[in-house]
PDB file of N, CA and C in Angstrom:
ATOM      1  N   MET A   1      12.290 -28.280   7.883  1.00  0.00           N
ATOM      2  CA  MET A   1      11.736 -26.926   7.821  1.00  0.00           C
ATOM      3  C   MET A   1      10.282 -26.831   7.318  1.00  0.00           C
ATOM      4  N   ALA A   2       9.488 -26.108   8.028  1.00  0.00           N
ATOM      5  CA  ALA A   2       8.062 -26.005   7.808  1.00  0.00           C
ATOM      6  C   ALA A   2       7.819 -25.206   6.591  1.00  0.00           C
ATOM      7  N   VAL A   3       6.765 -25.520   5.921  1.00  0.00           N
ATOM      8  CA  VAL A   3       6.299 -24.698   4.665  1.00  0.00           C
ATOM      9  C   VAL A   3       5.660 -23.406   5.260  1.00  0.00           C
ATOM     10  N   LEU A   4       5.990 -22.292   4.622  1.00  0.00           N
ATOM     11  CA  LEU A   4       5.469 -21.087   5.040  1.00  0.00           C
ATOM     12  C   LEU A   4       4.026 -20.826   4.505  1.00  0.00           C
ATOM     13  N   GLN A   5       3.128 -20.388   5.334  1.00  0.00           N
ATOM     14  CA  GLN A   5       1.784 -20.171   4.915  1.00  0.00           C
ATOM     15  C   GLN A   5       1.691 -18.620   4.346  1.00  0.00           C
ATOM     16  N   SER A   6       1.155 -18.596   3.221  1.00  0.00           N
ATOM     17  CA  SER A   6       0.849 -17.294   2.688  1.00  0.00           C
ATOM     18  C   SER A   6      -0.635 -17.033   2.797  1.00  0.00           C
ATOM     19  N   PRO A   7      -1.051 -15.670   2.944  1.00  0.00           N
ATOM     20  CA  PRO A   7      -2.453 -15.459   3.004  1.00  0.00           C
ATOM     21  C   PRO A   7      -3.186 -15.766   1.787  1.00  0.00           C
ATOM     22  N   ARG A   8      -4.262 -16.398   1.959  1.00  0.00           N
ATOM     23  CA  ARG A   8      -5.147 -16.802   0.754  1.00  0.00           C
ATOM     24  C   ARG A   8      -5.953 -15.567   0.235  1.00  0.00           C
ATOM     25  N   LYS A   9      -6.226 -14.609   1.093  1.00  0.00           N
ATOM     26  CA  LYS A   9      -6.995 -13.476   0.791  1.00  0.00           C
ATOM     27  C   LYS A   9      -6.600 -12.346   1.789  1.00  0.00           C
ATOM     28  N   ILE A  10      -6.654 -11.130   1.163  1.00  0.00           N
ATOM     29  CA  ILE A  10      -6.368 -10.002   2.033  1.00  0.00           C
ATOM     30  C   ILE A  10      -7.476  -9.013   1.879  1.00  0.00           C
ATOM     31  N   GLU A  11      -8.029  -8.562   3.100  1.00  0.00           N
ATOM     32  CA  GLU A  11      -9.039  -7.523   3.103  1.00  0.00           C
ATOM     33  C   GLU A  11      -8.539  -6.235   3.595  1.00  0.00           C
ATOM     34  N   ARG A  12      -8.911  -5.103   2.967  1.00  0.00           N
ATOM     35  CA  ARG A  12      -8.483  -3.852   3.483  1.00  0.00           C
ATOM     36  C   ARG A  12      -9.781  -2.953   3.642  1.00  0.00           C
ATOM     37  N   ASN A  13      -9.821  -2.251   4.786  1.00  0.00           N
ATOM     38  CA  ASN A  13     -11.074  -1.470   5.122  1.00  0.00           C
ATOM     39  C   ASN A  13     -10.571  -0.329   5.976  1.00  0.00           C
ATOM     40  N   ASP A  14     -10.575   0.916   5.542  1.00  0.00           N
ATOM     41  CA  ASP A  14     -10.205   2.039   6.345  1.00  0.00           C
ATOM     42  C   ASP A  14      -8.918   1.886   7.205  1.00  0.00           C
ATOM     43  N   GLY A  15      -7.902   1.361   6.543  1.00  0.00           N
ATOM     44  CA  GLY A  15      -6.646   1.257   7.225  1.00  0.00           C
ATOM     45  C   GLY A  15      -6.493  -0.038   8.065  1.00  0.00           C
ATOM     46  N   VAL A  16      -7.563  -0.815   8.196  1.00  0.00           N
ATOM     47  CA  VAL A  16      -7.426  -2.023   8.781  1.00  0.00           C
ATOM     48  C   VAL A  16      -7.191  -3.203   7.753  1.00  0.00           C
ATOM     49  N   MET A  17      -6.365  -4.113   8.065  1.00  0.00           N
ATOM     50  CA  MET A  17      -6.061  -5.285   7.192  1.00  0.00           C
ATOM     51  C   MET A  17      -6.409  -6.569   7.810  1.00  0.00           C
ATOM     52  N   TYR A  18      -7.019  -7.456   7.099  1.00  0.00           N
ATOM     53  CA  TYR A  18      -7.246  -8.867   7.696  1.00  0.00           C
ATOM     54  C   TYR A  18      -6.664  -9.792   6.584  1.00  0.00           C
ATOM     55  N   PHE A  19      -5.783 -10.692   7.044  1.00  0.00           N
ATOM     56  CA  PHE A  19      -5.058 -11.682   6.256  1.00  0.00           C
ATOM     57  C   PHE A  19      -5.821 -12.976   6.493  1.00  0.00           C
ATOM     58  N   HIS A  20      -6.406 -13.565   5.537  1.00  0.00           N
ATOM     59  CA  HIS A  20      -7.122 -14.859   5.622  1.00  0.00           C
ATOM     60  C   HIS A  20      -6.142 -15.964   5.297  1.00  0.00           C
ATOM     61  N   PHE A  21      -6.099 -17.007   6.131  1.00  0.00           N
ATOM     62  CA  PHE A  21      -5.108 -18.152   5.826  1.00  0.00           C
ATOM     63  C   PHE A  21      -5.991 -19.392   5.568  1.00  0.00           C
ATOM     64  N   ASN A  22      -7.138 -19.590   5.982  1.00  0.00           N
ATOM     65  CA  ASN A  22      -8.061 -20.638   5.638  1.00  0.00           C
ATOM     66  C   ASN A  22      -9.510 -20.246   5.974  1.00  0.00           C
ATOM     67  N   ASP A  23     -10.394 -21.013   5.540  1.00  0.00           N
ATOM     68  CA  ASP A  23     -11.922 -20.777   5.784  1.00  0.00           C
ATOM     69  C   ASP A  23     -12.435 -21.478   6.958  1.00  0.00           C
ATOM     70  N   ASN A  24     -11.619 -21.984   7.877  1.00  0.00           N
ATOM     71  CA  ASN A  24     -12.243 -22.757   8.990  1.00  0.00           C
ATOM     72  C   ASN A  24     -13.014 -21.801   9.941  1.00  0.00           C
ATOM     73  N   ALA A  25     -13.885 -22.264  10.731  1.00  0.00           N
ATOM     74  CA  ALA A  25     -14.657 -21.489  11.640  1.00  0.00           C
ATOM     75  C   ALA A  25     -13.747 -21.006  12.762  1.00  0.00           C
ATOM     76  N   ILE A  26     -13.946 -19.756  13.167  1.00  0.00           N
ATOM     77  CA  ILE A  26     -13.148 -19.210  14.225  1.00  0.00           C
ATOM     78  C   ILE A  26     -13.729 -19.599  15.571  1.00  0.00           C
ATOM     79  N   ALA A  27     -12.877 -20.187  16.346  1.00  0.00           N
ATOM     80  CA  ALA A  27     -13.188 -20.667  17.734  1.00  0.00           C
ATOM     81  C   ALA A  27     -12.622 -19.655  18.765  1.00  0.00           C
ATOM     82  N   LYS A  28     -11.640 -19.049  18.504  1.00  0.00           N
ATOM     83  CA  LYS A  28     -10.993 -18.279  19.598  1.00  0.00           C
ATOM     84  C   LYS A  28     -10.109 -17.151  18.914  1.00  0.00           C
ATOM     85  N   THR A  29     -10.064 -16.009  19.619  1.00  0.00           N
ATOM     86  CA  THR A  29      -9.210 -14.880  19.116  1.00  0.00           C
ATOM     87  C   THR A  29      -8.366 -14.483  20.295  1.00  0.00           C
ATOM     88  N   LYS A  30      -6.979 -14.377  19.832  1.00  0.00           N
ATOM     89  CA  LYS A  30      -6.013 -13.932  20.744  1.00  0.00           C
ATOM     90  C   LYS A  30      -5.568 -12.494  20.362  1.00  0.00           C
ATOM     91  N   SER A  31      -5.304 -11.620  21.276  1.00  0.00           N
ATOM     92  CA  SER A  31      -4.980 -10.261  20.995  1.00  0.00           C
ATOM     93  C   SER A  31      -3.482  -9.970  21.394  1.00  0.00           C
ATOM     94  N   TYR A  32      -2.787  -9.230  20.624  1.00  0.00           N
ATOM     95  CA  TYR A  32      -1.377  -8.814  20.854  1.00  0.00           C
ATOM     96  C   TYR A  32      -1.365  -7.314  20.607  1.00  0.00           C
ATOM     97  N   ALA A  33      -0.155  -6.772  21.061  1.00  0.00           N
ATOM     98  CA  ALA A  33       0.164  -5.350  20.881  1.00  0.00           C
ATOM     99  C   ALA A  33      -1.040  -4.492  21.311  1.00  0.00           C
ATOM    100  N   ARG A  34      -1.517  -4.664  22.490  1.00  0.00           N
ATOM    101  CA  ARG A  34      -2.595  -3.860  23.052  1.00  0.00           C
ATOM    102  C   ARG A  34      -3.896  -3.955  22.277  1.00  0.00           C
ATOM    103  N   GLY A  35      -4.086  -5.062  21.694  1.00  0.00           N
ATOM    104  CA  GLY A  35      -5.352  -5.301  20.940  1.00  0.00           C
ATOM    105  C   GLY A  35      -5.339  -4.824  19.565  1.00  0.00           C
ATOM    106  N   GLU A  36      -4.130  -4.334  18.997  1.00  0.00           N
ATOM    107  CA  GLU A  36      -3.964  -3.905  17.673  1.00  0.00           C
ATOM    108  C   GLU A  36      -3.747  -5.022  16.689  1.00  0.00           C
ATOM    109  N   VAL A  37      -3.342  -6.185  17.179  1.00  0.00           N
ATOM    110  CA  VAL A  37      -3.160  -7.346  16.308  1.00  0.00           C
ATOM    111  C   VAL A  37      -3.985  -8.417  16.876  1.00  0.00           C
ATOM    112  N   ASN A  38      -4.853  -8.975  16.176  1.00  0.00           N
ATOM    113  CA  ASN A  38      -5.824  -9.975  16.562  1.00  0.00           C
ATOM    114  C   ASN A  38      -5.676 -11.268  15.735  1.00  0.00           C
ATOM    115  N   VAL A  39      -5.554 -12.350  16.328  1.00  0.00           N
ATOM    116  CA  VAL A  39      -5.275 -13.667  15.677  1.00  0.00           C
ATOM    117  C   VAL A  39      -6.503 -14.562  15.915  1.00  0.00           C
ATOM    118  N   ASP A  40      -7.100 -15.018  14.786  1.00  0.00           N
ATOM    119  CA  ASP A  40      -8.273 -15.931  14.849  1.00  0.00           C
ATOM    120  C   ASP A  40      -7.723 -17.318  14.675  1.00  0.00           C
ATOM    121  N   LEU A  41      -8.181 -18.225  15.587  1.00  0.00           N
ATOM    122  CA  LEU A  41      -7.734 -19.618  15.594  1.00  0.00           C
ATOM    123  C   LEU A  41      -9.030 -20.483  15.459  1.00  0.00           C
ATOM    124  N   ASP A  42      -8.857 -21.651  14.799  1.00  0.00           N
ATOM    125  CA  ASP A  42      -9.982 -22.621  14.753  1.00  0.00           C
ATOM    126  C   ASP A  42      -9.984 -23.539  16.038  1.00  0.00           C
ATOM    127  N   ALA A  43     -10.781 -24.478  16.087  1.00  0.00           N
ATOM    128  CA  ALA A  43     -11.067 -25.271  17.258  1.00  0.00           C
ATOM    129  C   ALA A  43      -9.776 -26.140  17.546  1.00  0.00           C
ATOM    130  N   SER A  44      -8.935 -26.437  16.562  1.00  0.00           N
ATOM    131  CA  SER A  44      -7.708 -27.242  16.740  1.00  0.00           C
ATOM    132  C   SER A  44      -6.396 -26.314  16.957  1.00  0.00           C
ATOM    133  N   GLY A  45      -6.736 -24.891  17.018  1.00  0.00           N
ATOM    134  CA  GLY A  45      -5.619 -24.142  17.233  1.00  0.00           C
ATOM    135  C   GLY A  45      -4.852 -23.599  15.995  1.00  0.00           C
ATOM    136  N   MET A  46      -5.346 -24.025  14.789  1.00  0.00           N
ATOM    137  CA  MET A  46      -4.757 -23.574  13.603  1.00  0.00           C
ATOM    138  C   MET A  46      -5.182 -22.077  13.200  1.00  0.00           C
ATOM    139  N   LEU A  47      -4.334 -21.459  12.697  1.00  0.00           N
ATOM    140  CA  LEU A  47      -4.509 -20.054  12.338  1.00  0.00           C
ATOM    141  C   LEU A  47      -5.512 -19.817  11.229  1.00  0.00           C
ATOM    142  N   VAL A  48      -6.511 -19.099  11.449  1.00  0.00           N
ATOM    143  CA  VAL A  48      -7.536 -18.755  10.501  1.00  0.00           C
ATOM    144  C   VAL A  48      -7.261 -17.480   9.833  1.00  0.00           C
ATOM    145  N   GLY A  49      -6.864 -16.470  10.607  1.00  0.00           N
ATOM    146  CA  GLY A  49      -6.697 -15.111  10.066  1.00  0.00           C
ATOM    147  C   GLY A  49      -6.054 -14.189  11.126  1.00  0.00           C
ATOM    148  N   VAL A  50      -5.527 -13.117  10.560  1.00  0.00           N
ATOM    149  CA  VAL A  50      -4.885 -12.101  11.436  1.00  0.00           C
ATOM    150  C   VAL A  50      -5.430 -10.700  10.990  1.00  0.00           C
ATOM    151  N   GLU A  51      -5.917  -9.987  11.962  1.00  0.00           N
ATOM    152  CA  GLU A  51      -6.401  -8.660  11.773  1.00  0.00           C
ATOM    153  C   GLU A  51      -5.363  -7.665  12.364  1.00  0.00           C
ATOM    154  N   VAL A  52      -5.001  -6.697  11.635  1.00  0.00           N
ATOM    155  CA  VAL A  52      -4.083  -5.635  12.048  1.00  0.00           C
ATOM    156  C   VAL A  52      -4.681  -4.334  11.958  1.00  0.00           C
ATOM    157  N   LEU A  53      -4.850  -3.668  13.209  1.00  0.00           N
ATOM    158  CA  LEU A  53      -5.592  -2.450  13.220  1.00  0.00           C
ATOM    159  C   LEU A  53      -4.718  -1.213  13.058  1.00  0.00           C
ATOM    160  N   SER A  54      -3.507  -1.299  13.401  1.00  0.00           N
ATOM    161  CA  SER A  54      -2.477  -0.268  13.233  1.00  0.00           C
ATOM    162  C   SER A  54      -1.086  -0.818  12.967  1.00  0.00           C
ATOM    163  N   PHE A  55      -0.165   0.070  12.620  1.00  0.00           N
ATOM    164  CA  PHE A  55       1.094  -0.420  12.084  1.00  0.00           C
ATOM    165  C   PHE A  55       2.279   0.206  12.726  1.00  0.00           C
ATOM    166  N   GLY A  56       2.281   0.300  14.065  1.00  0.00           N
ATOM    167  CA  GLY A  56       3.492   0.752  14.834  1.00  0.00           C
ATOM    168  C   GLY A  56       4.507  -0.260  15.122  1.00  0.00           C
ATOM    169  N   GLU A  57       5.495   0.148  15.862  1.00  0.00           N
ATOM    170  CA  GLU A  57       6.601  -0.771  16.088  1.00  0.00           C
ATOM    171  C   GLU A  57       6.096  -2.039  16.862  1.00  0.00           C
ATOM    172  N   ASP A  58       5.158  -1.821  17.854  1.00  0.00           N
ATOM    173  CA  ASP A  58       4.713  -2.988  18.607  1.00  0.00           C
ATOM    174  C   ASP A  58       3.951  -3.932  17.743  1.00  0.00           C
ATOM    175  N   GLU A  59       3.141  -3.437  16.768  1.00  0.00           N
ATOM    176  CA  GLU A  59       2.370  -4.286  15.900  1.00  0.00           C
ATOM    177  C   GLU A  59       3.380  -5.125  14.921  1.00  0.00           C
ATOM    178  N   ILE A  60       4.391  -4.377  14.459  1.00  0.00           N
ATOM    179  CA  ILE A  60       5.312  -4.980  13.529  1.00  0.00           C
ATOM    180  C   ILE A  60       6.006  -6.079  14.364  1.00  0.00           C
ATOM    181  N   ALA A  61       6.493  -5.881  15.560  1.00  0.00           N
ATOM    182  CA  ALA A  61       7.078  -6.831  16.389  1.00  0.00           C
ATOM    183  C   ALA A  61       6.155  -8.008  16.690  1.00  0.00           C
ATOM    184  N   ALA A  62       4.894  -7.778  16.935  1.00  0.00           N
ATOM    185  CA  ALA A  62       3.961  -8.806  17.208  1.00  0.00           C
ATOM    186  C   ALA A  62       3.806  -9.667  15.885  1.00  0.00           C
ATOM    187  N   LEU A  63       3.684  -9.053  14.758  1.00  0.00           N
ATOM    188  CA  LEU A  63       3.548  -9.791  13.479  1.00  0.00           C
ATOM    189  C   LEU A  63       4.766 -10.648  13.244  1.00  0.00           C
ATOM    190  N   SER A  64       5.912 -10.188  13.575  1.00  0.00           N
ATOM    191  CA  SER A  64       7.169 -11.001  13.368  1.00  0.00           C
ATOM    192  C   SER A  64       7.214 -12.228  14.207  1.00  0.00           C
ATOM    193  N   SER A  65       6.786 -11.954  15.520  1.00  0.00           N
ATOM    194  CA  SER A  65       6.639 -13.255  16.453  1.00  0.00           C
ATOM    195  C   SER A  65       5.646 -14.217  16.014  1.00  0.00           C
ATOM    196  N   LEU A  66       4.414 -13.676  15.519  1.00  0.00           N
ATOM    197  CA  LEU A  66       3.506 -14.584  14.951  1.00  0.00           C
ATOM    198  C   LEU A  66       3.859 -15.398  13.784  1.00  0.00           C
ATOM    199  N   ALA A  67       4.641 -14.712  12.957  1.00  0.00           N
ATOM    200  CA  ALA A  67       5.159 -15.348  11.738  1.00  0.00           C
ATOM    201  C   ALA A  67       6.010 -16.490  12.036  1.00  0.00           C
ATOM    202  N   GLN A  68       6.913 -16.404  13.129  1.00  0.00           N
ATOM    203  CA  GLN A  68       7.664 -17.458  13.575  1.00  0.00           C
ATOM    204  C   GLN A  68       6.890 -18.583  14.088  1.00  0.00           C
ATOM    205  N   GLU A  69       5.908 -18.171  15.035  1.00  0.00           N
ATOM    206  CA  GLU A  69       5.005 -19.291  15.743  1.00  0.00           C
ATOM    207  C   GLU A  69       4.262 -19.948  14.701  1.00  0.00           C
ATOM    208  N   HIS A  70       3.674 -19.388  13.697  1.00  0.00           N
ATOM    209  CA  HIS A  70       2.693 -20.016  12.842  1.00  0.00           C
ATOM    210  C   HIS A  70       3.248 -20.263  11.443  1.00  0.00           C
ATOM    211  N   HIS A  71       4.571 -20.071  11.229  1.00  0.00           N
ATOM    212  CA  HIS A  71       5.189 -20.305   9.992  1.00  0.00           C
ATOM    213  C   HIS A  71       4.615 -19.586   8.861  1.00  0.00           C
ATOM    214  N   LEU A  72       4.422 -18.232   9.086  1.00  0.00           N
ATOM    215  CA  LEU A  72       3.777 -17.359   8.069  1.00  0.00           C
ATOM    216  C   LEU A  72       4.774 -16.792   7.106  1.00  0.00           C
ATOM    217  N   ASP A  73       4.406 -16.491   5.994  1.00  0.00           N
ATOM    218  CA  ASP A  73       5.285 -15.826   4.932  1.00  0.00           C
ATOM    219  C   ASP A  73       5.279 -14.320   5.289  1.00  0.00           C
ATOM    220  N   ILE A  74       6.156 -13.974   6.192  1.00  0.00           N
ATOM    221  CA  ILE A  74       6.189 -12.565   6.629  1.00  0.00           C
ATOM    222  C   ILE A  74       6.563 -11.547   5.549  1.00  0.00           C
ATOM    223  N   ALA A  75       7.370 -12.073   4.623  1.00  0.00           N
ATOM    224  CA  ALA A  75       7.772 -11.114   3.452  1.00  0.00           C
ATOM    225  C   ALA A  75       6.502 -10.767   2.682  1.00  0.00           C
ATOM    226  N   THR A  76       5.573 -11.550   2.499  1.00  0.00           N
ATOM    227  CA  THR A  76       4.326 -11.267   1.731  1.00  0.00           C
ATOM    228  C   THR A  76       3.521 -10.287   2.585  1.00  0.00           C
ATOM    229  N   ILE A  77       3.366 -10.626   3.930  1.00  0.00           N
ATOM    230  CA  ILE A  77       2.629  -9.744   4.786  1.00  0.00           C
ATOM    231  C   ILE A  77       3.183  -8.335   4.812  1.00  0.00           C
ATOM    232  N   PHE A  78       4.455  -8.234   4.997  1.00  0.00           N
ATOM    233  CA  PHE A  78       5.207  -6.940   5.056  1.00  0.00           C
ATOM    234  C   PHE A  78       5.033  -6.167   3.770  1.00  0.00           C
ATOM    235  N   ARG A  79       5.164  -6.914   2.702  1.00  0.00           N
ATOM    236  CA  ARG A  79       4.935  -6.321   1.340  1.00  0.00           C
ATOM    237  C   ARG A  79       3.612  -5.581   1.277  1.00  0.00           C
ATOM    238  N   GLU A  80       2.532  -6.357   1.774  1.00  0.00           N
ATOM    239  CA  GLU A  80       1.276  -5.846   1.733  1.00  0.00           C
ATOM    240  C   GLU A  80       0.943  -4.624   2.607  1.00  0.00           C
ATOM    241  N   ILE A  81       1.605  -4.631   3.785  1.00  0.00           N
ATOM    242  CA  ILE A  81       1.382  -3.494   4.767  1.00  0.00           C
ATOM    243  C   ILE A  81       2.237  -2.385   4.573  1.00  0.00           C
ATOM    244  N   SER A  82       3.376  -2.563   3.756  1.00  0.00           N
ATOM    245  CA  SER A  82       4.342  -1.461   3.625  1.00  0.00           C
ATOM    246  C   SER A  82       3.817  -0.104   3.311  1.00  0.00           C
ATOM    247  N   PRO A  83       2.746   0.079   2.452  1.00  0.00           N
ATOM    248  CA  PRO A  83       2.211   1.336   2.279  1.00  0.00           C
ATOM    249  C   PRO A  83       1.567   1.876   3.476  1.00  0.00           C
ATOM    250  N   GLN A  84       1.048   1.014   4.339  1.00  0.00           N
ATOM    251  CA  GLN A  84       0.451   1.403   5.680  1.00  0.00           C
ATOM    252  C   GLN A  84       1.516   1.824   6.637  1.00  0.00           C
ATOM    253  N   ALA A  85       2.669   1.224   6.577  1.00  0.00           N
ATOM    254  CA  ALA A  85       3.696   1.405   7.555  1.00  0.00           C
ATOM    255  C   ALA A  85       4.725   2.549   7.199  1.00  0.00           C
ATOM    256  N   VAL A  86       4.553   3.031   5.961  1.00  0.00           N
ATOM    257  CA  VAL A  86       5.614   4.016   5.503  1.00  0.00           C
ATOM    258  C   VAL A  86       5.737   5.226   6.447  1.00  0.00           C
ATOM    259  N   GLY A  87       4.664   5.602   7.065  1.00  0.00           N
ATOM    260  CA  GLY A  87       4.674   6.740   8.057  1.00  0.00           C
ATOM    261  C   GLY A  87       5.565   6.436   9.193  1.00  0.00           C
ATOM    262  N   LEU A  88       5.889   5.230   9.553  1.00  0.00           N
ATOM    263  CA  LEU A  88       6.856   4.805  10.650  1.00  0.00           C
ATOM    264  C   LEU A  88       8.225   5.364  10.287  1.00  0.00           C
ATOM    265  N   CYS A  89       8.599   5.477   9.151  1.00  0.00           N
ATOM    266  CA  CYS A  89       9.961   5.844   8.743  1.00  0.00           C
ATOM    267  C   CYS A  89      10.102   7.240   8.528  1.00  0.00           C
ATOM    268  N   HIS A  90       9.055   7.997   8.636  1.00  0.00           N
ATOM    269  CA  HIS A  90       9.126   9.449   8.308  1.00  0.00           C
ATOM    270  C   HIS A  90       8.738  10.336   9.518  1.00  0.00           C
ATOM    271  N   ASN A  91       8.810   9.842  10.660  1.00  0.00           N
ATOM    272  CA  ASN A  91       8.509  10.730  11.858  1.00  0.00           C
ATOM    273  C   ASN A  91       9.650  11.443  12.373  1.00  0.00           C
TER     274      ASN A  91
END
């Protein structure tokens, strides 16, 4: 079983969150959930960071898939975004 990666640093700015996993240089960005979840990768394909612009069902699903693919500590990520996503449960 792979060791889960936890974010080393979390930035918040006007509802946008960026989860830093390492300090490697960004070589490529992949977008998911209509561009609302952006994944930065280094030259070897290792995860550098994840930017989350909104917190709807598609974004949560994308994060869940990314967590499996990159062995991310999804519990820590969801704990950090839960105040942002609270509105999803009250519509």
